[in-house]
Amino acid sequence: MMCMIPNICASIQKTVEDINRKGIRMFCLLLDLYADEYLFRTFGQRNYLVLDHVDKIPGKLPQLYISMTK
């Protein structure tokens, strides 16, 4: 699935690229089961997580913290 608002997605992608060039690591957590395609292009393979329900966030936070601080 493509980003539903292309102009906004292009703007987000450019912002992420600019921030990455400054050496800042970004991570995206999103509640959108259809977001995989555009998040992969924007954040890269290991820099995002898609969940299907907000209740799953607390269970994932420790794992995310560990993976981001290695």
C-alpha atoms as a PDB file:
ATOM      1  CA  MET A   1       0.000   0.000   0.000  1.00  0.00           C
ATOM      2  CA  MET A   2       1.238   3.445  -0.859  1.00  0.00           C
ATOM      3  CA  CYS A   3       1.191   6.431   1.417  1.00  0.00           C
ATOM      4  CA  MET A   4      -2.284   7.940   1.269  1.00  0.00           C
ATOM      5  CA  ILE A   5      -0.984  11.526   1.322  1.00  0.00           C
ATOM      6  CA  PRO A   6       2.042  11.574  -1.021  1.00  0.00           C
ATOM      7  CA  ASN A   7       3.084  15.174  -0.360  1.00  0.00           C
ATOM      8  CA  ILE A   8       3.200  14.617   3.372  1.00  0.00           C
ATOM      9  CA  CYS A   9       5.034  11.313   3.001  1.00  0.00           C
ATOM     10  CA  ALA A  10       7.627  12.927   0.725  1.00  0.00           C
ATOM     11  CA  SER A  11       8.113  15.692   3.278  1.00  0.00           C
ATOM     12  CA  ILE A  12       8.547  13.165   6.097  1.00  0.00           C
ATOM     13  CA  GLN A  13      11.030  11.171   4.031  1.00  0.00           C
ATOM     14  CA  LYS A  14      13.109  14.285   3.305  1.00  0.00           C
ATOM     15  CA  THR A  15      13.062  15.258   6.981  1.00  0.00           C
ATOM     16  CA  VAL A  16      14.200  11.780   8.022  1.00  0.00           C
ATOM     17  CA  GLU A  17      17.033  11.903   5.464  1.00  0.00           C
ATOM     18  CA  ASP A  18      18.135  15.327   6.717  1.00  0.00           C
ATOM     19  CA  ILE A  19      18.140  14.138  10.330  1.00  0.00           C
ATOM     20  CA  ASN A  20      20.033  10.952   9.417  1.00  0.00           C
ATOM     21  CA  ARG A  21      22.726  13.041   7.727  1.00  0.00           C
ATOM     22  CA  LYS A  22      23.226  14.810  11.064  1.00  0.00           C
ATOM     23  CA  GLY A  23      23.909  11.464  12.726  1.00  0.00           C
ATOM     24  CA  ILE A  24      20.640  11.267  14.635  1.00  0.00           C
ATOM     25  CA  ARG A  25      19.027   7.844  14.670  1.00  0.00           C
ATOM     26  CA  MET A  26      15.256   7.844  14.298  1.00  0.00           C
ATOM     27  CA  PHE A  27      12.705   5.163  15.028  1.00  0.00           C
ATOM     28  CA  CYS A  28       9.012   5.107  14.124  1.00  0.00           C
ATOM     29  CA  LEU A  29       6.272   3.290  16.022  1.00  0.00           C
ATOM     30  CA  LEU A  30       2.960   3.341  14.181  1.00  0.00           C
ATOM     31  CA  LEU A  31      -0.491   1.855  14.594  1.00  0.00           C
ATOM     32  CA  ASP A  32      -1.250   1.309  10.912  1.00  0.00           C
ATOM     33  CA  LEU A  33      -1.220  -2.231   9.561  1.00  0.00           C
ATOM     34  CA  TYR A  34      -0.869  -0.925   6.008  1.00  0.00           C
ATOM     35  CA  ALA A  35       2.183   1.217   6.705  1.00  0.00           C
ATOM     36  CA  ASP A  36       4.950  -1.324   6.057  1.00  0.00           C
ATOM     37  CA  GLU A  37       5.680  -0.269   2.487  1.00  0.00           C
ATOM     38  CA  TYR A  38       6.016   3.451   3.024  1.00  0.00           C
ATOM     39  CA  LEU A  39       7.686   3.127   6.427  1.00  0.00           C
ATOM     40  CA  PHE A  40      10.330   0.817   4.962  1.00  0.00           C
ATOM     41  CA  ARG A  41      11.146   3.411   2.300  1.00  0.00           C
ATOM     42  CA  THR A  42      11.235   6.230   4.832  1.00  0.00           C
ATOM     43  CA  PHE A  43      12.882   4.708   7.909  1.00  0.00           C
ATOM     44  CA  GLY A  44      14.721   1.636   6.629  1.00  0.00           C
ATOM     45  CA  GLN A  45      14.317  -2.022   7.495  1.00  0.00           C
ATOM     46  CA  ARG A  46      15.058  -1.898  11.231  1.00  0.00           C
ATOM     47  CA  ASN A  47      13.941   1.580  12.176  1.00  0.00           C
ATOM     48  CA  TYR A  48      10.211   1.135  12.534  1.00  0.00           C
ATOM     49  CA  LEU A  49       7.597  -1.075  14.116  1.00  0.00           C
ATOM     50  CA  VAL A  50       3.957  -1.440  13.136  1.00  0.00           C
ATOM     51  CA  LEU A  51       1.490  -2.608  15.768  1.00  0.00           C
ATOM     52  CA  ASP A  52      -2.149  -3.481  15.337  1.00  0.00           C
ATOM     53  CA  HIS A  53      -3.367  -2.181  18.690  1.00  0.00           C
ATOM     54  CA  VAL A  54      -2.291   0.454  21.206  1.00  0.00           C
ATOM     55  CA  ASP A  55      -2.459  -2.103  24.034  1.00  0.00           C
ATOM     56  CA  LYS A  56       0.621  -3.826  22.588  1.00  0.00           C
ATOM     57  CA  ILE A  57       2.883  -0.792  23.027  1.00  0.00           C
ATOM     58  CA  PRO A  58       3.830  -1.382  26.710  1.00  0.00           C
ATOM     59  CA  GLY A  59       4.910  -4.943  25.944  1.00  0.00           C
ATOM     60  CA  LYS A  60       7.157  -3.799  23.092  1.00  0.00           C
ATOM     61  CA  LEU A  61       8.864  -0.831  24.771  1.00  0.00           C
ATOM     62  CA  PRO A  62      11.511  -2.820  26.724  1.00  0.00           C
ATOM     63  CA  GLN A  63      12.471  -4.744  23.575  1.00  0.00           C
ATOM     64  CA  LEU A  64      12.662  -1.501  21.575  1.00  0.00           C
ATOM     65  CA  TYR A  65      14.810   0.186  24.210  1.00  0.00           C
ATOM     66  CA  ILE A  66      17.267  -2.714  24.264  1.00  0.00           C
ATOM     67  CA  SER A  67      17.527  -2.851  20.477  1.00  0.00           C
ATOM     68  CA  MET A  68      18.045   0.908  20.191  1.00  0.00           C
ATOM     69  CA  THR A  69      20.750   1.143  22.872  1.00  0.00           C
ATOM     70  CA  LYS A  70      23.000  -1.673  21.606  1.00  0.00           C
END
